[in-house]
Amino acid sequence: MRRATVLLAGLALLAAPTASSRAATSAGAATTAVSAACQSPVVGPAPTRGQAFLDGVRAGRHDRAHFDRVVFDLTAVAGYDVHYVRRIVQDGSGLPLRLRGRAVLAVRLAPVRAHDDRGRSTAPRRIVRSFTQLRDVRRAGDFEGVVTYGVGLAARGDFRVSLLTRPDRLVVDVAFPGRHPFDCRRGAVEVFFATRDATAAAVTRRVPTPAVARGALTALFAGPVDFDRPRGLVLVDSGAVGFTGLRIRDGIARVRLTGGCASGGSTFTIANEIVPTLKRLPTVDVVKILDPQGHTEEPAGRVDSIPACLEP
């Protein structure tokens, strides 16, 4: 039998529809699970083309739909990472960014610049609002192709992220406190990181569809967020800086590491994170990890395989 499917995919079917009390319990469980997913980090892979510019930031409210909206206008599609943080620090000074509100979303865009060749800002540094949920949008950094904004909210709640084109823009919708207008089960995956006792533990991430496998590995290499770190979760990268050549065919996933590859004598390596992350997908039964040169110990057959550089 194949491994677990994409996280949360079947929660709506927990109870028999003929039993009203059990159906109500199931609906409540599904709502809770969807809400939990709607507060998990969202990670979008960076495109292969060049750097984009941020040329606008806008905010609006949608009272009837129960959410406020922040729009980041781009000159081209960009990678992104949106997640809750306890605080956000400013590039350069390292000082905490002061924001109105009681909860903070960090929005990271890359490769993106928010200034022109003369150093002049191409997008607002700050937008202050007194909406139902949205309170503040303020830039924390614009350095080496990475633009970061902090979004101050009245309270922690559900959010969704959409990358739209024609024109290109990243849209972040933040639900009113206590409201759950979004269904975030699509694209929700489990990503595994290392624990203090050298085991693998899962966290929830949301990634773009349909390229869920690529999104899951991108989220893996993005590493834990600060809400994961109290659990002692870290990314063991074994010298790798990313991946390439991901292919899934007949239940076999093949992926090549980029950068370095070395176990350092440890029995726990990046393979212990990649393998369970990919096997959570319903299309993957076997994982073969290749070193940066394209080699793995068992290139054929329906068995998992790692490269020699990941052996202890």
Protein backbone atom coordinates (compact mmCIF):
# COMPACT_ATOMS: atom_id res chain seq x y z
CA MET A 1 0.00 0.00 0.00
CA ARG A 2 1.30 3.42 -0.84
CA ARG A 3 2.47 5.84 1.80
CA ALA A 4 0.31 8.56 3.32
CA THR A 5 -1.34 10.93 0.88
CA VAL A 6 -1.03 14.71 0.79
CA LEU A 7 -1.80 16.10 4.24
CA LEU A 8 -5.47 16.74 5.06
CA ALA A 9 -6.75 15.42 1.74
CA GLY A 10 -9.48 13.22 3.14
CA LEU A 11 -10.60 14.90 6.33
CA ALA A 12 -14.05 15.72 4.99
CA LEU A 13 -14.84 11.98 4.78
CA LEU A 14 -14.24 11.11 8.43
CA ALA A 15 -17.89 10.34 9.26
CA ALA A 16 -20.74 8.48 7.65
CA PRO A 17 -23.19 10.96 6.11
CA THR A 18 -26.20 9.05 7.49
CA ALA A 19 -25.29 9.76 11.14
CA SER A 20 -25.94 13.44 11.80
CA SER A 21 -24.01 13.62 15.06
CA ARG A 22 -20.98 11.87 13.60
CA ALA A 23 -21.19 14.04 10.50
CA ALA A 24 -21.21 17.17 12.67
CA THR A 25 -18.14 15.90 14.51
CA SER A 26 -16.43 15.21 11.20
CA ALA A 27 -17.29 18.65 9.87
CA GLY A 28 -15.87 20.24 13.00
CA ALA A 29 -12.66 18.22 12.70
CA ALA A 30 -12.33 19.13 9.04
CA THR A 31 -12.86 22.82 9.79
CA THR A 32 -10.22 22.71 12.53
CA ALA A 33 -7.76 20.92 10.25
CA VAL A 34 -8.36 23.31 7.37
CA SER A 35 -7.87 26.28 9.69
CA ALA A 36 -4.59 24.80 10.97
CA ALA A 37 -3.41 24.39 7.38
CA CYS A 38 -4.48 27.97 6.64
CA GLN A 39 -2.01 29.24 9.24
CA SER A 40 0.93 27.17 8.01
CA PRO A 41 3.82 28.63 5.96
CA VAL A 42 3.48 29.04 2.19
CA VAL A 43 6.56 28.53 -0.02
CA GLY A 44 6.77 29.13 -3.77
CA PRO A 45 9.82 28.04 -5.83
CA ALA A 46 11.89 30.79 -7.43
CA PRO A 47 11.61 30.95 -11.24
CA THR A 48 14.49 30.17 -13.54
CA ARG A 49 14.42 33.56 -15.26
CA GLY A 50 16.06 36.74 -14.01
CA GLN A 51 15.41 39.10 -11.17
CA ALA A 52 12.10 40.94 -10.81
CA PHE A 53 11.40 44.39 -9.42
CA LEU A 54 8.79 45.27 -6.83
CA ASP A 55 7.05 48.34 -8.20
CA GLY A 56 4.07 48.65 -5.88
CA VAL A 57 2.40 47.54 -2.67
CA ARG A 58 -1.35 47.96 -2.16
CA ALA A 59 -3.84 47.11 0.57
CA GLY A 60 -7.61 46.67 0.46
CA ARG A 61 -10.51 45.25 2.43
CA HIS A 62 -13.20 42.77 1.48
CA ASP A 63 -15.76 43.00 4.25
CA ARG A 64 -18.36 40.67 2.71
CA ALA A 65 -15.73 37.97 2.11
CA HIS A 66 -14.27 38.43 5.63
CA PHE A 67 -10.66 39.18 4.69
CA ASP A 68 -8.22 42.02 4.06
CA ARG A 69 -5.74 41.93 1.20
CA VAL A 70 -2.15 43.00 0.51
CA VAL A 71 -0.89 43.03 -3.10
CA PHE A 72 2.79 43.11 -4.07
CA ASP A 73 3.10 44.30 -7.68
CA LEU A 74 6.00 42.70 -9.58
CA THR A 75 7.59 43.11 -12.98
CA ALA A 76 7.98 39.31 -13.25
CA VAL A 77 7.09 36.13 -11.40
CA ALA A 78 9.22 35.63 -8.27
CA GLY A 79 9.79 33.08 -5.55
CA TYR A 80 8.11 33.73 -2.22
CA ASP A 81 7.87 32.61 1.39
CA VAL A 82 5.04 33.77 3.68
CA HIS A 83 4.82 32.66 7.30
CA TYR A 84 4.10 33.80 10.83
CA VAL A 85 7.02 35.03 12.93
CA ARG A 86 7.34 36.10 16.54
CA ARG A 87 9.20 39.17 15.35
CA ILE A 88 10.89 40.39 12.22
CA VAL A 89 14.27 42.11 12.12
CA GLN A 90 15.53 44.73 9.71
CA ASP A 91 18.32 43.99 7.26
CA GLY A 92 21.50 45.86 8.04
CA SER A 93 20.73 47.05 11.57
CA GLY A 94 19.38 43.75 12.87
CA LEU A 95 16.92 45.71 15.00
CA PRO A 96 13.34 44.47 15.45
CA LEU A 97 10.85 45.98 13.01
CA ARG A 98 8.08 47.75 14.88
CA LEU A 99 4.64 46.99 13.50
CA ARG A 100 1.11 47.79 14.57
CA GLY A 101 -0.91 44.75 15.61
CA ARG A 102 -0.49 41.62 17.73
CA ALA A 103 0.61 39.13 15.06
CA VAL A 104 3.19 39.38 12.29
CA LEU A 105 3.42 37.73 8.88
CA ALA A 106 6.79 37.81 7.13
CA VAL A 107 6.61 38.09 3.32
CA ARG A 108 9.87 37.27 1.53
CA LEU A 109 10.30 37.77 -2.22
CA ALA A 110 13.29 36.57 -4.26
CA PRO A 111 14.99 37.24 -6.61
CA VAL A 112 13.49 40.72 -6.31
CA ARG A 113 14.68 44.31 -5.88
CA ALA A 114 12.67 47.21 -4.49
CA HIS A 115 15.06 49.93 -5.70
CA ASP A 116 16.40 51.22 -9.02
CA ASP A 117 20.02 51.58 -10.12
CA ARG A 118 20.28 54.90 -8.28
CA GLY A 119 19.10 53.34 -5.04
CA ARG A 120 15.68 54.99 -5.15
CA SER A 121 12.78 52.96 -3.75
CA THR A 122 10.38 51.55 -6.34
CA ALA A 123 7.67 50.57 -3.85
CA PRO A 124 6.19 52.01 -0.64
CA ARG A 125 8.22 51.41 2.48
CA ARG A 126 5.15 51.42 4.69
CA ILE A 127 1.36 51.30 4.50
CA VAL A 128 -0.60 51.88 7.71
CA ARG A 129 -4.22 50.76 7.85
CA SER A 130 -6.93 50.28 10.46
CA PHE A 131 -8.83 47.48 8.76
CA THR A 132 -10.55 44.63 10.57
CA GLN A 133 -7.43 42.44 10.43
CA LEU A 134 -4.73 44.38 8.59
CA ARG A 135 -2.90 47.03 10.61
CA ASP A 136 0.49 47.62 9.03
CA VAL A 137 2.72 46.71 6.07
CA ARG A 138 6.36 47.71 6.44
CA ARG A 139 9.55 46.84 4.58
CA ALA A 140 12.19 45.06 6.63
CA GLY A 141 14.81 44.54 3.95
CA ASP A 142 15.90 44.97 0.34
CA PHE A 143 19.29 43.32 0.07
CA GLU A 144 21.06 41.02 -2.40
CA GLY A 145 17.94 40.20 -4.37
CA VAL A 146 15.72 39.53 -1.36
CA VAL A 147 12.87 41.86 -0.36
CA THR A 148 11.16 41.30 2.98
CA TYR A 149 8.05 42.94 4.40
CA GLY A 150 6.38 42.57 7.75
CA VAL A 151 2.57 42.52 7.81
CA GLY A 152 1.08 43.55 11.15
CA LEU A 153 -2.29 41.96 12.01
CA ALA A 154 -4.88 42.47 14.71
CA ALA A 155 -4.58 38.78 15.66
CA ARG A 156 -3.14 35.56 14.32
CA GLY A 157 -5.56 33.99 11.85
CA ASP A 158 -5.95 32.18 8.55
CA PHE A 159 -4.22 33.47 5.42
CA ARG A 160 -3.83 32.43 1.80
CA VAL A 161 -1.28 33.34 -0.85
CA SER A 162 -1.76 33.57 -4.62
CA LEU A 163 0.81 34.29 -7.32
CA LEU A 164 -1.08 35.90 -10.20
CA THR A 165 0.01 36.94 -13.67
CA ARG A 166 -0.96 39.52 -16.30
CA PRO A 167 0.13 41.60 -14.45
CA ASP A 168 2.46 39.67 -12.13
CA ARG A 169 1.67 40.10 -8.45
CA LEU A 170 1.73 38.27 -5.15
CA VAL A 171 -1.56 38.48 -3.25
CA VAL A 172 -1.76 37.82 0.49
CA ASP A 173 -5.27 37.58 1.95
CA VAL A 174 -5.63 37.70 5.75
CA ALA A 175 -8.89 36.45 7.25
CA PHE A 176 -10.73 38.46 9.87
CA PRO A 177 -10.07 37.20 13.43
CA GLY A 178 -12.21 34.14 14.16
CA ARG A 179 -13.27 33.76 10.52
CA HIS A 180 -12.26 30.85 8.24
CA PRO A 181 -13.14 31.82 4.66
CA PHE A 182 -10.37 29.80 2.96
CA ASP A 183 -9.90 26.10 2.18
CA CYS A 184 -6.17 25.48 2.27
CA ARG A 185 -6.05 21.70 1.87
CA ARG A 186 -4.94 21.83 -1.75
CA GLY A 187 -1.15 21.91 -1.90
CA ALA A 188 -0.73 21.15 1.82
CA VAL A 189 2.18 18.76 2.35
CA GLU A 190 4.32 17.40 5.15
CA VAL A 191 8.02 18.29 5.14
CA PHE A 192 10.49 16.53 7.44
CA PHE A 193 13.29 18.14 9.46
CA ALA A 194 15.79 16.77 11.94
CA THR A 195 15.07 16.75 15.69
CA ARG A 196 17.52 16.99 18.59
CA ASP A 197 17.61 13.19 18.92
CA ALA A 198 18.41 12.68 15.20
CA THR A 199 14.99 11.56 14.08
CA ALA A 200 12.76 13.15 11.44
CA ALA A 201 9.65 15.14 12.38
CA ALA A 202 6.99 16.53 10.06
CA VAL A 203 5.73 20.09 9.71
CA THR A 204 2.98 21.42 7.46
CA ARG A 205 3.78 23.57 4.46
CA ARG A 206 1.61 24.87 1.63
CA VAL A 207 3.10 24.81 -1.87
CA PRO A 208 1.87 25.65 -5.36
CA THR A 209 0.04 23.06 -7.41
CA PRO A 210 0.35 21.06 -9.61
CA ALA A 211 4.12 20.81 -9.03
CA VAL A 212 3.67 19.65 -5.43
CA ALA A 213 6.83 17.52 -5.25
CA ARG A 214 9.04 20.38 -6.40
CA GLY A 215 7.28 22.67 -3.96
CA ALA A 216 7.78 20.24 -1.07
CA LEU A 217 11.53 20.01 -1.69
CA THR A 218 11.75 23.80 -2.08
CA ALA A 219 10.03 24.13 1.30
CA LEU A 220 12.46 21.60 2.75
CA PHE A 221 15.51 23.55 1.60
CA ALA A 222 13.95 26.77 2.90
CA GLY A 223 14.37 25.25 6.36
CA PRO A 224 12.35 25.55 9.57
CA VAL A 225 10.63 28.79 10.59
CA ASP A 226 10.96 30.22 14.08
CA PHE A 227 7.74 28.56 15.26
CA ASP A 228 9.40 25.18 14.45
CA ARG A 229 12.63 25.87 16.34
CA PRO A 230 11.26 25.50 19.89
CA ARG A 231 10.68 21.87 18.91
CA GLY A 232 14.39 21.65 18.13
CA LEU A 233 13.86 21.23 14.39
CA VAL A 234 16.77 21.98 12.05
CA LEU A 235 17.64 21.32 8.43
CA VAL A 236 20.53 18.90 8.06
CA ASP A 237 21.69 19.81 4.54
CA SER A 238 24.79 17.57 4.32
CA GLY A 239 26.47 20.31 2.28
CA ALA A 240 23.73 20.51 -0.37
CA VAL A 241 22.32 23.92 -1.25
CA GLY A 242 19.40 22.76 -3.38
CA PHE A 243 18.20 20.21 -5.89
CA THR A 244 17.68 19.76 -9.60
CA GLY A 245 16.39 17.20 -12.09
CA LEU A 246 13.42 16.04 -10.02
CA ARG A 247 11.52 13.35 -11.94
CA ILE A 248 8.73 11.02 -10.85
CA ARG A 249 7.87 8.07 -13.06
CA ASP A 250 6.13 4.80 -12.21
CA GLY A 251 6.25 5.60 -8.52
CA ILE A 252 10.02 6.25 -8.52
CA ALA A 253 11.27 9.76 -7.67
CA ARG A 254 14.78 10.76 -8.72
CA VAL A 255 16.40 13.97 -7.52
CA ARG A 256 19.94 15.31 -7.77
CA LEU A 257 21.56 17.41 -5.07
CA THR A 258 23.34 20.65 -5.95
CA GLY A 259 26.28 22.22 -4.15
CA GLY A 260 28.09 19.76 -1.90
CA CYS A 261 27.38 16.30 -0.55
CA ALA A 262 28.96 14.89 2.62
CA SER A 263 27.60 12.95 5.57
CA GLY A 264 30.34 14.17 7.91
CA GLY A 265 30.31 10.69 9.43
CA SER A 266 26.72 11.05 10.61
CA THR A 267 24.06 8.40 10.17
CA PHE A 268 21.46 11.17 9.82
CA THR A 269 21.76 13.09 6.56
CA ILE A 270 19.60 15.08 4.21
CA ALA A 271 18.42 11.74 2.81
CA ASN A 272 16.52 11.19 6.08
CA GLU A 273 14.57 14.36 5.31
CA ILE A 274 14.14 14.05 1.53
CA VAL A 275 12.92 10.44 1.49
CA PRO A 276 9.98 10.80 3.92
CA THR A 277 9.05 14.19 2.45
CA LEU A 278 8.68 12.73 -1.04
CA LYS A 279 7.07 9.49 0.16
CA ARG A 280 4.22 11.50 1.68
CA LEU A 281 3.10 12.15 -1.89
CA PRO A 282 0.67 9.58 -3.35
CA THR A 283 2.70 9.30 -6.56
CA VAL A 284 5.96 8.26 -4.85
CA ASP A 285 6.88 4.78 -3.57
CA VAL A 286 10.66 4.82 -4.09
CA VAL A 287 13.21 7.67 -3.78
CA LYS A 288 16.62 7.73 -5.43
CA ILE A 289 18.92 10.59 -4.41
CA LEU A 290 21.82 11.42 -6.71
CA ASP A 291 24.98 13.35 -5.81
CA PRO A 292 25.87 16.57 -7.68
CA GLN A 293 27.65 14.47 -10.33
CA GLY A 294 24.54 12.35 -10.92
CA HIS A 295 25.60 9.16 -9.12
CA THR A 296 23.67 6.97 -6.68
CA GLU A 297 24.37 3.54 -5.23
CA GLU A 298 21.32 1.72 -6.63
CA PRO A 299 20.34 3.52 -9.85
CA ALA A 300 18.03 0.69 -10.99
CA GLY A 301 15.30 -1.29 -9.28
CA ARG A 302 12.42 -0.41 -6.99
CA VAL A 303 14.54 0.28 -3.90
CA ASP A 304 15.48 3.54 -2.21
CA SER A 305 18.99 4.71 -3.00
CA ILE A 306 21.45 7.33 -1.73
CA PRO A 307 24.83 8.40 -3.10
CA ALA A 308 28.07 7.19 -1.51
CA CYS A 309 28.76 10.69 -0.18
CA LEU A 310 25.80 10.31 2.24
CA GLU A 311 27.11 7.08 3.75
CA PRO A 312 28.46 7.48 7.32
